[in-house]
């Protein structure tokens, strides 16, 4: 049981730091908010289609759900906006996070 408490404290600290960093240095074309202000584990992502692409002018919503043992386990990422893209599927985010170390800023990986 103590391990679970340590995981929660560690993941909450990591998520608070990442949210703070994203608020202080936003990533162009993205807006990140909490789904519920009392829940650090569920984020809503707004993605604005970049200029000079097929997605220009688009607005796409997604959710990121972080596990309690984050950053040692990857979050689940799900688009809420229906779209077709040959490279967007469930495995994409798991592979992206598998290639990083727990200390690597996940916002840089998730939003790239």
N, C-alpha and C. Protein backbone atom coordinates (compact mmCIF):
# COMPACT_ATOMS: atom_id res chain seq x y z
N UNK A 1 0.82 -1.19 0.00
CA UNK A 1 0.00 0.00 0.00
C UNK A 1 0.86 1.25 0.00
N UNK A 2 2.00 1.21 0.71
CA UNK A 2 2.88 2.37 0.75
C UNK A 2 3.40 2.71 -0.64
N UNK A 3 3.68 1.69 -1.45
CA UNK A 3 4.17 1.91 -2.81
C UNK A 3 3.14 2.70 -3.62
N UNK A 4 1.87 2.37 -3.48
CA UNK A 4 0.81 3.09 -4.20
C UNK A 4 0.81 4.56 -3.81
N UNK A 5 0.92 4.84 -2.52
CA UNK A 5 0.96 6.23 -2.04
C UNK A 5 2.15 6.98 -2.59
N UNK A 6 3.30 6.30 -2.67
CA UNK A 6 4.50 6.93 -3.23
C UNK A 6 4.30 7.21 -4.72
N UNK A 7 3.69 6.26 -5.44
CA UNK A 7 3.41 6.46 -6.86
C UNK A 7 2.52 7.66 -7.08
N UNK A 8 1.47 7.77 -6.28
CA UNK A 8 0.53 8.88 -6.43
C UNK A 8 1.23 10.21 -6.16
N UNK A 9 1.99 10.28 -5.08
CA UNK A 9 2.70 11.52 -4.75
C UNK A 9 3.70 11.88 -5.84
N UNK A 10 4.43 10.89 -6.33
CA UNK A 10 5.43 11.12 -7.38
C UNK A 10 4.77 11.57 -8.68
N UNK A 11 3.69 10.90 -9.07
CA UNK A 11 3.02 11.25 -10.32
C UNK A 11 2.35 12.62 -10.22
N UNK A 12 1.76 12.93 -9.07
CA UNK A 12 1.13 14.25 -8.91
C UNK A 12 2.18 15.36 -9.01
N UNK A 13 3.32 15.14 -8.40
CA UNK A 13 4.39 16.14 -8.46
C UNK A 13 4.84 16.33 -9.91
N UNK A 14 5.04 15.23 -10.63
CA UNK A 14 5.47 15.31 -12.03
C UNK A 14 4.42 16.02 -12.88
N UNK A 15 3.15 15.69 -12.68
CA UNK A 15 2.08 16.30 -13.47
C UNK A 15 1.92 17.78 -13.16
N UNK A 16 2.03 18.16 -11.90
CA UNK A 16 1.93 19.58 -11.54
C UNK A 16 3.07 20.37 -12.19
N UNK A 17 4.26 19.80 -12.19
CA UNK A 17 5.40 20.46 -12.80
C UNK A 17 5.21 20.60 -14.31
N UNK A 18 4.74 19.54 -14.96
CA UNK A 18 4.53 19.59 -16.40
C UNK A 18 3.43 20.58 -16.78
N UNK A 19 2.34 20.61 -16.01
CA UNK A 19 1.27 21.56 -16.28
C UNK A 19 1.78 22.99 -16.10
N UNK A 20 2.54 23.21 -15.05
CA UNK A 20 3.11 24.55 -14.80
C UNK A 20 4.01 24.96 -15.96
N UNK A 21 4.87 24.04 -16.41
CA UNK A 21 5.77 24.33 -17.54
C UNK A 21 4.99 24.65 -18.81
N UNK A 22 3.91 23.91 -19.06
CA UNK A 22 3.10 24.17 -20.25
C UNK A 22 2.37 25.50 -20.17
N UNK A 23 1.99 25.91 -18.98
CA UNK A 23 1.33 27.20 -18.82
C UNK A 23 2.32 28.34 -18.98
N UNK A 24 3.54 28.16 -18.48
CA UNK A 24 4.56 29.20 -18.58
C UNK A 24 5.17 29.27 -19.98
N UNK A 25 5.30 28.13 -20.64
CA UNK A 25 5.87 28.07 -21.98
C UNK A 25 4.96 27.21 -22.87
N UNK A 26 3.83 27.78 -23.30
CA UNK A 26 2.89 26.99 -24.12
C UNK A 26 3.53 26.52 -25.43
N UNK A 27 3.08 25.38 -25.89
CA UNK A 27 3.52 24.84 -27.17
C UNK A 27 2.58 25.40 -28.24
N UNK A 28 3.16 26.03 -29.26
CA UNK A 28 2.36 26.66 -30.30
C UNK A 28 1.43 25.64 -30.96
N UNK A 29 0.17 26.02 -31.10
CA UNK A 29 -0.81 25.15 -31.74
C UNK A 29 -1.53 24.21 -30.80
N UNK A 30 -1.20 24.28 -29.50
CA UNK A 30 -1.81 23.40 -28.51
C UNK A 30 -2.28 24.21 -27.31
N UNK A 31 -3.37 23.77 -26.72
CA UNK A 31 -3.82 24.34 -25.45
C UNK A 31 -4.16 23.16 -24.55
N UNK A 32 -3.59 23.17 -23.35
CA UNK A 32 -3.79 22.07 -22.40
C UNK A 32 -4.53 22.60 -21.19
N UNK A 33 -5.59 21.90 -20.79
CA UNK A 33 -6.32 22.25 -19.57
C UNK A 33 -6.66 20.95 -18.83
N UNK A 34 -7.04 21.08 -17.58
CA UNK A 34 -7.52 19.92 -16.83
C UNK A 34 -8.99 19.72 -17.15
N UNK A 35 -9.42 18.48 -17.30
CA UNK A 35 -10.83 18.18 -17.51
C UNK A 35 -11.62 18.64 -16.29
N UNK A 36 -11.06 18.36 -15.11
CA UNK A 36 -11.66 18.74 -13.82
C UNK A 36 -10.52 19.30 -12.97
N UNK A 37 -10.67 20.49 -12.46
CA UNK A 37 -9.61 21.15 -11.70
C UNK A 37 -9.11 20.33 -10.51
N UNK A 38 -9.89 19.40 -10.02
CA UNK A 38 -9.48 18.59 -8.87
C UNK A 38 -8.81 17.28 -9.27
N UNK A 39 -8.61 17.06 -10.58
CA UNK A 39 -8.07 15.79 -11.07
C UNK A 39 -6.89 16.05 -12.00
N UNK A 40 -5.68 15.88 -11.48
CA UNK A 40 -4.46 16.10 -12.28
C UNK A 40 -4.24 15.03 -13.34
N UNK A 41 -4.96 13.92 -13.26
CA UNK A 41 -4.69 12.78 -14.13
C UNK A 41 -5.45 12.80 -15.46
N UNK A 42 -6.33 13.77 -15.65
CA UNK A 42 -7.10 13.85 -16.89
C UNK A 42 -6.96 15.24 -17.50
N UNK A 43 -6.31 15.28 -18.66
CA UNK A 43 -6.06 16.55 -19.34
C UNK A 43 -6.87 16.59 -20.63
N UNK A 44 -7.29 17.79 -20.98
CA UNK A 44 -7.93 18.01 -22.28
C UNK A 44 -6.95 18.78 -23.15
N UNK A 45 -6.84 18.37 -24.38
CA UNK A 45 -5.91 19.00 -25.31
C UNK A 45 -6.70 19.57 -26.48
N UNK A 46 -6.43 20.83 -26.79
CA UNK A 46 -6.98 21.45 -28.00
C UNK A 46 -5.82 21.59 -28.97
N UNK A 47 -5.99 21.07 -30.16
CA UNK A 47 -4.95 21.13 -31.19
C UNK A 47 -5.50 21.95 -32.34
N UNK A 48 -4.74 22.96 -32.72
CA UNK A 48 -5.15 23.85 -33.80
C UNK A 48 -4.35 23.50 -35.04
N UNK A 49 -5.06 23.20 -36.13
CA UNK A 49 -4.40 22.78 -37.37
C UNK A 49 -3.35 23.78 -37.82
N UNK A 50 -2.13 23.31 -38.06
CA UNK A 50 -1.05 24.22 -38.44
C UNK A 50 -1.24 24.79 -39.85
N UNK A 51 -0.76 26.02 -40.06
CA UNK A 51 -0.88 26.64 -41.38
C UNK A 51 -0.14 25.82 -42.45
N UNK A 52 -0.61 25.95 -43.66
CA UNK A 52 0.00 25.31 -44.83
C UNK A 52 0.02 23.79 -44.74
N UNK A 53 -0.99 23.23 -44.09
CA UNK A 53 -1.16 21.78 -44.05
C UNK A 53 -2.61 21.47 -44.40
N UNK A 54 -2.92 20.20 -44.59
CA UNK A 54 -4.31 19.80 -44.84
C UNK A 54 -5.19 20.06 -43.63
N UNK A 55 -4.59 20.24 -42.47
CA UNK A 55 -5.34 20.45 -41.24
C UNK A 55 -5.47 21.93 -40.87
N UNK A 56 -4.99 22.83 -41.73
CA UNK A 56 -5.06 24.27 -41.46
C UNK A 56 -6.50 24.68 -41.17
N UNK A 57 -6.66 25.44 -40.10
CA UNK A 57 -8.00 25.89 -39.70
C UNK A 57 -8.76 24.87 -38.88
N UNK A 58 -8.22 23.68 -38.74
CA UNK A 58 -8.89 22.63 -37.98
C UNK A 58 -8.75 22.83 -36.49
N UNK A 59 -9.69 22.27 -35.76
CA UNK A 59 -9.67 22.30 -34.30
C UNK A 59 -9.96 20.88 -33.85
N UNK A 60 -9.04 20.29 -33.13
CA UNK A 60 -9.15 18.90 -32.74
C UNK A 60 -9.02 18.79 -31.23
N UNK A 61 -9.92 18.03 -30.63
CA UNK A 61 -9.89 17.83 -29.18
C UNK A 61 -9.41 16.42 -28.88
N UNK A 62 -8.67 16.33 -27.78
CA UNK A 62 -8.16 15.03 -27.34
C UNK A 62 -8.12 15.01 -25.82
N UNK A 63 -7.98 13.83 -25.27
CA UNK A 63 -7.84 13.65 -23.82
C UNK A 63 -6.58 12.85 -23.55
N UNK A 64 -5.92 13.22 -22.48
CA UNK A 64 -4.78 12.45 -21.99
C UNK A 64 -5.12 11.99 -20.59
N UNK A 65 -5.06 10.68 -20.37
CA UNK A 65 -5.32 10.11 -19.04
C UNK A 65 -4.01 9.49 -18.55
N UNK A 66 -3.52 10.03 -17.44
CA UNK A 66 -2.25 9.58 -16.88
C UNK A 66 -2.48 8.51 -15.81
N UNK A 67 -1.65 7.47 -15.78
CA UNK A 67 -1.76 6.44 -14.74
C UNK A 67 -1.13 6.94 -13.43
N UNK A 68 -1.46 6.31 -12.32
CA UNK A 68 -0.91 6.73 -11.03
C UNK A 68 0.59 6.47 -10.93
N UNK A 69 1.13 5.58 -11.75
CA UNK A 69 2.58 5.36 -11.71
C UNK A 69 3.32 6.14 -12.79
N UNK A 70 2.67 7.16 -13.34
CA UNK A 70 3.33 8.07 -14.27
C UNK A 70 4.48 8.76 -13.54
N UNK A 71 5.62 8.97 -14.09
CA UNK A 71 6.02 8.87 -15.49
C UNK A 71 6.62 7.53 -15.89
N UNK A 72 6.47 6.51 -15.06
CA UNK A 72 7.05 5.20 -15.37
C UNK A 72 6.17 4.37 -16.28
N UNK A 73 4.91 4.77 -16.42
CA UNK A 73 4.00 4.15 -17.38
C UNK A 73 3.42 5.27 -18.24
N UNK A 74 3.17 4.97 -19.51
CA UNK A 74 2.70 6.03 -20.42
C UNK A 74 1.23 6.37 -20.20
N UNK A 75 0.86 7.58 -20.55
CA UNK A 75 -0.56 7.96 -20.48
C UNK A 75 -1.32 7.38 -21.66
N UNK A 76 -2.63 7.37 -21.55
CA UNK A 76 -3.49 7.00 -22.68
C UNK A 76 -3.89 8.30 -23.37
N UNK A 77 -3.80 8.33 -24.67
CA UNK A 77 -4.13 9.52 -25.46
C UNK A 77 -5.24 9.13 -26.42
N UNK A 78 -6.31 9.93 -26.44
CA UNK A 78 -7.45 9.60 -27.30
C UNK A 78 -7.99 10.88 -27.94
N UNK A 79 -8.12 10.86 -29.25
CA UNK A 79 -8.76 11.97 -29.94
C UNK A 79 -10.26 11.90 -29.71
N UNK A 80 -10.86 13.04 -29.39
CA UNK A 80 -12.31 13.12 -29.26
C UNK A 80 -12.93 13.55 -30.57
N UNK A 81 -12.18 14.31 -31.36
CA UNK A 81 -12.63 14.76 -32.67
C UNK A 81 -12.42 13.63 -33.66
N UNK A 82 -13.43 13.32 -34.43
CA UNK A 82 -13.31 12.28 -35.46
C UNK A 82 -12.44 12.82 -36.59
N UNK A 83 -11.51 12.00 -37.04
CA UNK A 83 -10.65 12.38 -38.15
C UNK A 83 -10.05 11.12 -38.75
N UNK A 84 -9.53 11.27 -39.93
CA UNK A 84 -8.80 10.17 -40.53
C UNK A 84 -7.36 10.63 -40.70
N UNK A 85 -6.47 9.81 -40.23
CA UNK A 85 -5.04 10.04 -40.42
C UNK A 85 -4.37 8.67 -40.36
N UNK A 86 -3.55 8.35 -41.35
CA UNK A 86 -2.97 7.00 -41.39
C UNK A 86 -2.02 6.68 -40.24
N UNK A 87 -1.53 7.69 -39.54
CA UNK A 87 -0.56 7.44 -38.48
C UNK A 87 -1.11 7.67 -37.08
N UNK A 88 -2.40 7.83 -36.94
CA UNK A 88 -2.98 8.02 -35.62
C UNK A 88 -3.76 6.77 -35.24
N UNK A 89 -3.27 6.11 -34.22
CA UNK A 89 -3.92 4.91 -33.70
C UNK A 89 -3.41 4.71 -32.28
N UNK A 90 -4.01 3.83 -31.54
CA UNK A 90 -3.73 3.68 -30.10
C UNK A 90 -2.26 3.43 -29.79
N UNK A 91 -1.58 2.66 -30.60
CA UNK A 91 -0.20 2.29 -30.31
C UNK A 91 0.74 3.48 -30.41
N UNK A 92 0.40 4.48 -31.20
CA UNK A 92 1.30 5.60 -31.45
C UNK A 92 1.83 6.21 -30.17
N UNK A 93 0.98 6.57 -29.23
CA UNK A 93 1.43 7.22 -28.01
C UNK A 93 2.22 6.27 -27.12
N UNK A 94 1.82 5.01 -27.07
CA UNK A 94 2.56 4.06 -26.25
C UNK A 94 3.99 3.92 -26.77
N UNK A 95 4.15 3.87 -28.08
CA UNK A 95 5.48 3.77 -28.64
C UNK A 95 6.28 5.04 -28.41
N UNK A 96 5.64 6.19 -28.53
CA UNK A 96 6.33 7.46 -28.32
C UNK A 96 6.87 7.54 -26.90
N UNK A 97 6.11 7.09 -25.93
CA UNK A 97 6.56 7.15 -24.54
C UNK A 97 7.52 6.03 -24.21
N UNK A 98 7.42 4.91 -24.88
CA UNK A 98 8.34 3.81 -24.63
C UNK A 98 9.77 4.22 -24.97
N UNK A 99 9.92 5.10 -25.95
CA UNK A 99 11.23 5.52 -26.41
C UNK A 99 11.86 6.59 -25.52
N UNK A 100 11.14 7.09 -24.52
CA UNK A 100 11.68 8.14 -23.67
C UNK A 100 11.96 7.62 -22.27
N UNK A 101 12.76 8.35 -21.55
CA UNK A 101 13.06 8.02 -20.16
C UNK A 101 12.09 8.78 -19.26
N UNK A 102 11.82 8.29 -18.03
CA UNK A 102 10.89 8.98 -17.13
C UNK A 102 11.25 10.44 -16.88
N UNK A 103 12.53 10.78 -16.96
CA UNK A 103 12.94 12.16 -16.68
C UNK A 103 12.75 13.09 -17.87
N UNK A 104 12.50 12.54 -19.07
CA UNK A 104 12.32 13.37 -20.26
C UNK A 104 10.99 14.10 -20.19
N UNK A 105 10.95 15.40 -20.48
CA UNK A 105 9.68 16.13 -20.40
C UNK A 105 8.65 15.55 -21.38
N UNK A 106 7.59 14.97 -20.85
CA UNK A 106 6.62 14.28 -21.69
C UNK A 106 5.88 15.24 -22.62
N UNK A 107 5.71 16.51 -22.22
CA UNK A 107 4.99 17.42 -23.10
C UNK A 107 5.74 17.58 -24.41
N UNK A 108 7.05 17.51 -24.39
CA UNK A 108 7.83 17.63 -25.62
C UNK A 108 7.59 16.41 -26.51
N UNK A 109 7.48 15.23 -25.89
CA UNK A 109 7.25 14.01 -26.65
C UNK A 109 5.80 13.92 -27.12
N UNK A 110 4.86 14.19 -26.23
CA UNK A 110 3.45 14.03 -26.55
C UNK A 110 2.97 15.05 -27.57
N UNK A 111 3.55 16.22 -27.56
CA UNK A 111 3.08 17.28 -28.44
C UNK A 111 3.91 17.43 -29.68
N UNK A 112 4.78 16.46 -29.97
CA UNK A 112 5.59 16.56 -31.17
C UNK A 112 4.98 15.73 -32.29
